[in-house]
Every structure is written in structure tokens, then in C-alpha cells.
Amino acid sequence: MSQEISPTGKRSGPGSSPELRASHADRDRVVDVLRVAAGDGRLTSAELDERLEAALSARTVSELTALTTDLPPVSASAGAAVAEVKDVLRIDQRFSTVERVGRWVVPRRLELAAEWCEVTLDFTQAVITQDTLRIDVDMRGKTLTLVTRPGIVVDADALRLEHSTVKIRQAPSPETPITLRVELVGEKSFGRVVVRSPRRTFGQWLLRKPLSLPAAH
């Protein structure tokens, strides 16, 4: 006997059970699992793009569950780091070096207050759980360097410059889906902003080998 789905999401017919509707929080949790799995190399960029689209359009919990049955949960894939994602991370430094490198956890928003500091934010191995990062810049002197990988784009149009320059050295890659958009706002004075890809090692330079980058999150 065929079953029908009512407008409330319940299946009609003998022995049927209602389909649980997915909430925004349910979708967000699945998106986190997918992004971390892609960063660990468990999903290709094409698979990530396809599953993200399916997750964002999913109506029921069972549809979401099907997207992650072959993946470990976020806690097993990225450890406790993902649980430590901060809504706002504030960096307030003077006359020192500031670095975020390796498998650091990208916050939802970053406030950068720095005076005469070299600041480096390296996203090549970072744990990314959202598609947008706003960086509120209040920086005087020295250089702000953002090291990116395919799928990460930087928008500095809203950044006010005073005796400063911006150099974005990103090769366009139309076939790579955008996984993180970094928006720079605020003010940079007396220095530079540099956006670049990772540098080759000496051996890679000698052999003319391309960079091997981790998969996008």
C-alpha cells in the first residue's frame, strides 16, 4: 500500500512514523562535519560542494543523516578544537610578533588591535567551520600577512588605509568552490597588508614542484 506525506511532514498509512523536520541547528552541525571532513582529506572539493548544497536544502533529519553516515563525527575528526570555536577572538599586541599557524581554530569574528607588530594568519591548515570570517582591523605599523589556500578569498575593499598598501597575490581558481570569505574592515596605517599562497620549500623550488596543499574545509 502506498504512503503519502501530509503537509505536516507525517507519512500516512499503517505502521508509518513521522519524518522529523530538520532545524537550522541540525543543518549547521552537518555542515561543520562536512567542512572538517574535507579538511582532513575525507571528501574532495566536488564532494564537499555537492553535500553542502544537499545539507542546506535538506528538509528532514534523515536526509541530513545520509550525508554523514560515512564520516566520523566532528569531535573525532577534529578533536576538541572544534568545540573551542569562539564567536569573537581578540588579539591585542604591541611591539611583538603575532602568529596563528598550523591547525588553529578560526573564530567566527576576529578583532585585531596591534601596534608595530608583524602579524601572520596562516589558513592553510586551519580548522574552518563557517563560510565567512570578519576581521576588524585596528593596526598601526608593520605587515599583516594572510596565507591562503584554494577556496579562500580575501576582500579588503572595506579596509581604510593610511600610508599603507594592500597586495593580494591570489591566483584565481574558478573551478574551486569558495569555502571561506575573509572580510577585512577597519583601519591599517603605516604598513602593508599582504595576501599570498604558501611559499615553496627550497627542495620544491629546485625541482619546480607545485605546492601540496590540504583540501579546503
Protein backbone atom coordinates (compact mmCIF):
# COMPACT_ATOMS: atom_id res chain seq x y z
CA MET A 1 0.00 0.00 0.00
CA SER A 2 1.40 3.37 -0.89
CA GLN A 3 2.05 6.05 1.68
CA GLU A 4 1.51 9.74 1.35
CA ILE A 5 3.23 12.61 3.09
CA SER A 6 0.96 15.22 4.55
CA PRO A 7 1.79 18.93 4.64
CA THR A 8 2.90 18.48 8.28
CA GLY A 9 5.63 16.06 7.23
CA LYS A 10 3.94 12.90 8.53
CA ARG A 11 3.57 9.76 6.50
CA SER A 12 0.08 8.37 6.23
CA GLY A 13 -0.66 4.68 6.18
CA PRO A 14 -0.46 1.69 8.54
CA GLY A 15 2.68 1.44 10.66
CA SER A 16 4.10 4.71 9.41
CA SER A 17 6.08 7.10 11.59
CA PRO A 18 6.52 10.83 11.20
CA GLU A 19 9.60 12.24 9.49
CA LEU A 20 11.41 14.59 11.83
CA ARG A 21 11.90 18.03 10.31
CA ALA A 22 15.45 19.41 10.29
CA SER A 23 16.18 22.64 12.13
CA HIS A 24 18.76 25.30 11.29
CA ALA A 25 20.94 23.92 14.12
CA ASP A 26 20.72 20.41 12.61
CA ARG A 27 21.90 21.73 9.25
CA ASP A 28 24.72 23.73 10.87
CA ARG A 29 26.02 20.64 12.69
CA VAL A 30 26.12 18.64 9.45
CA VAL A 31 27.87 21.48 7.63
CA ASP A 32 30.54 21.50 10.36
CA VAL A 33 31.11 17.75 9.95
CA LEU A 34 31.39 18.10 6.17
CA ARG A 35 33.85 21.00 6.29
CA VAL A 36 36.12 19.30 8.81
CA ALA A 37 35.99 16.03 6.85
CA ALA A 38 37.05 17.87 3.69
CA GLY A 39 39.90 19.50 5.59
CA ASP A 40 41.07 16.05 6.70
CA GLY A 41 41.04 14.83 3.09
CA ARG A 42 38.00 12.57 3.50
CA LEU A 43 35.99 14.49 0.88
CA THR A 44 37.10 16.03 -2.39
CA SER A 45 36.18 19.62 -3.22
CA ALA A 46 33.48 18.37 -5.59
CA GLU A 47 32.01 16.05 -2.94
CA LEU A 48 32.06 18.86 -0.36
CA ASP A 49 30.27 21.23 -2.72
CA GLU A 50 27.63 18.61 -3.56
CA ARG A 51 26.98 17.62 0.06
CA LEU A 52 26.89 21.21 1.32
CA GLU A 53 24.21 22.02 -1.23
CA ALA A 54 22.22 18.96 -0.17
CA ALA A 55 22.60 19.81 3.53
CA LEU A 56 21.41 23.38 3.13
CA SER A 57 18.32 22.23 1.21
CA ALA A 58 17.52 19.21 3.40
CA ARG A 59 14.04 19.14 4.94
CA THR A 60 14.30 16.17 7.27
CA VAL A 61 16.79 14.78 9.77
CA SER A 62 17.05 11.53 7.82
CA GLU A 63 18.19 13.44 4.72
CA LEU A 64 20.94 15.07 6.79
CA THR A 65 21.96 11.79 8.40
CA ALA A 66 22.53 10.22 4.99
CA LEU A 67 25.14 12.89 4.20
CA THR A 68 27.44 11.97 7.11
CA THR A 69 26.95 8.22 7.65
CA ASP A 70 30.37 7.52 6.07
CA LEU A 71 32.15 10.26 8.07
CA PRO A 72 33.35 10.46 11.68
CA PRO A 73 31.64 13.00 13.95
CA VAL A 74 33.30 16.38 14.30
CA SER A 75 34.64 15.56 17.76
CA ALA A 76 36.52 12.51 16.42
CA SER A 77 37.67 14.20 13.23
CA ALA A 78 38.97 17.48 14.63
CA GLY A 79 39.31 16.70 18.31
CA ALA A 80 38.34 19.17 20.97
CA ALA A 81 39.44 22.06 18.75
CA VAL A 82 36.09 22.44 17.02
CA ALA A 83 34.33 22.62 20.38
CA GLU A 84 36.51 25.65 21.14
CA VAL A 85 35.35 27.75 18.19
CA LYS A 86 34.89 31.26 19.55
CA ASP A 87 32.33 33.79 18.46
CA VAL A 88 34.95 36.55 18.85
CA LEU A 89 38.72 36.22 19.19
CA ARG A 90 40.56 39.39 20.22
CA ILE A 91 44.28 39.85 19.58
CA ASP A 92 45.75 42.90 21.33
CA GLN A 93 49.52 43.22 20.99
CA ARG A 94 52.30 45.84 20.87
CA PHE A 95 55.89 45.58 19.66
CA SER A 96 55.89 41.80 19.22
CA THR A 97 55.22 39.06 16.67
CA VAL A 98 51.73 37.59 16.33
CA GLU A 99 51.24 34.25 14.54
CA ARG A 100 48.33 31.90 14.04
CA VAL A 101 49.70 28.90 12.14
CA GLY A 102 49.14 25.15 11.88
CA ARG A 103 45.80 23.65 12.94
CA TRP A 104 44.40 26.69 14.73
CA VAL A 105 40.65 27.17 15.06
CA VAL A 106 39.26 30.06 13.05
CA PRO A 107 36.77 32.10 15.10
CA ARG A 108 33.52 33.48 13.74
CA ARG A 109 34.93 37.01 14.10
CA LEU A 110 38.40 38.31 14.85
CA GLU A 111 39.31 41.66 16.42
CA LEU A 112 42.91 42.63 15.67
CA ALA A 113 44.40 45.53 17.64
CA ALA A 114 48.16 45.73 17.02
CA GLU A 115 50.85 48.40 17.11
CA TRP A 116 54.16 47.82 15.35
CA CYS A 117 53.67 44.05 15.26
CA GLU A 118 54.30 41.59 12.44
CA VAL A 119 51.02 39.67 12.23
CA THR A 120 50.65 36.39 10.29
CA LEU A 121 47.37 34.49 9.92
CA ASP A 122 48.06 31.22 8.09
CA PHE A 123 44.87 29.48 6.92
CA THR A 124 46.49 26.58 5.05
CA GLN A 125 45.88 24.04 7.85
CA ALA A 126 43.35 25.97 9.93
CA VAL A 127 40.12 24.41 11.21
CA ILE A 128 37.31 26.32 9.49
CA THR A 129 33.68 25.77 10.48
CA GLN A 130 31.91 28.67 8.75
CA ASP A 131 31.98 30.30 5.33
CA THR A 132 32.72 33.90 6.38
CA LEU A 133 35.29 35.46 8.70
CA ARG A 134 35.15 39.17 9.52
CA ILE A 135 38.42 40.67 10.75
CA ASP A 136 38.07 44.05 12.47
CA VAL A 137 41.48 45.64 11.95
CA ASP A 138 42.96 48.40 14.10
CA MET A 139 46.62 48.07 13.19
CA ARG A 140 49.45 50.58 13.08
CA GLY A 141 52.82 49.79 11.52
CA LYS A 142 54.47 46.63 10.18
CA THR A 143 52.75 43.99 7.99
CA LEU A 144 49.56 41.97 8.23
CA THR A 145 50.08 38.76 6.24
CA LEU A 146 47.28 36.34 5.34
CA VAL A 147 48.41 32.99 3.92
CA THR A 148 45.59 31.33 1.99
CA ARG A 149 44.83 28.13 0.09
CA PRO A 150 42.46 27.37 -2.82
CA GLY A 151 38.87 28.11 -1.85
CA ILE A 152 39.76 31.03 0.45
CA VAL A 153 39.26 34.57 -0.84
CA VAL A 154 40.08 37.87 0.86
CA ASP A 155 38.04 41.06 0.43
CA ALA A 156 39.83 44.24 1.57
CA ASP A 157 37.52 46.76 -0.11
CA ALA A 158 36.11 47.99 3.23
CA LEU A 159 39.55 48.44 4.84
CA ARG A 160 40.62 52.07 5.33
CA LEU A 161 44.28 52.70 4.51
CA GLU A 162 46.54 55.44 5.85
CA HIS A 163 50.07 55.45 4.42
CA SER A 164 49.61 51.73 3.74
CA THR A 165 49.36 49.36 0.78
CA VAL A 166 47.44 46.16 0.05
CA LYS A 167 48.86 43.38 -2.13
CA ILE A 168 46.64 40.41 -2.87
CA ARG A 169 48.58 37.68 -4.64
CA GLN A 170 45.87 35.12 -5.22
CA ALA A 171 45.69 33.18 -8.46
CA PRO A 172 42.02 32.88 -9.49
CA SER A 173 40.71 29.32 -9.48
CA PRO A 174 37.18 29.29 -10.92
CA GLU A 175 36.85 25.50 -10.58
CA THR A 176 37.44 25.62 -6.81
CA PRO A 177 34.34 26.41 -4.70
CA ILE A 178 34.72 29.21 -2.17
CA THR A 179 34.86 27.70 1.32
CA LEU A 180 35.87 30.82 3.28
CA ARG A 181 35.49 34.52 2.52
CA VAL A 182 37.67 36.75 4.72
CA GLU A 183 36.38 40.31 5.03
CA LEU A 184 38.86 42.94 6.23
CA VAL A 185 37.27 46.03 7.79
CA GLY A 186 38.61 48.80 9.99
CA GLU A 187 41.89 50.68 9.51
CA LYS A 188 45.51 49.85 8.65
CA SER A 189 48.07 52.64 8.96
CA PHE A 190 51.80 52.88 8.23
CA GLY A 191 52.43 49.42 6.87
CA ARG A 192 51.26 46.74 4.47
CA VAL A 193 48.63 44.07 4.04
CA VAL A 194 49.83 41.04 2.06
CA VAL A 195 47.62 38.14 0.95
CA ARG A 196 49.56 35.25 -0.56
CA SER A 197 49.75 31.49 -1.06
CA PRO A 198 52.22 29.37 0.95
CA ARG A 199 55.83 29.62 -0.18
CA ARG A 200 57.56 26.63 -1.70
CA THR A 201 60.24 24.83 0.25
CA PHE A 202 63.80 25.03 -1.09
CA GLY A 203 63.52 21.47 -2.42
CA GLN A 204 60.24 22.23 -4.19
CA TRP A 205 61.81 25.33 -5.74
CA LEU A 206 64.81 23.38 -7.00
CA LEU A 207 62.66 20.63 -8.50
CA ARG A 208 59.96 23.08 -9.70
CA LYS A 209 57.41 21.02 -7.81
CA PRO A 210 53.95 22.51 -7.20
CA LEU A 211 52.81 23.17 -3.67
CA SER A 212 50.88 20.35 -1.99
CA LEU A 213 48.04 21.95 -0.08
CA PRO A 214 45.47 20.38 2.22
CA ALA A 215 41.96 20.07 0.91
CA ALA A 216 39.65 23.02 1.51
CA HIS A 217 37.45 22.91 4.62
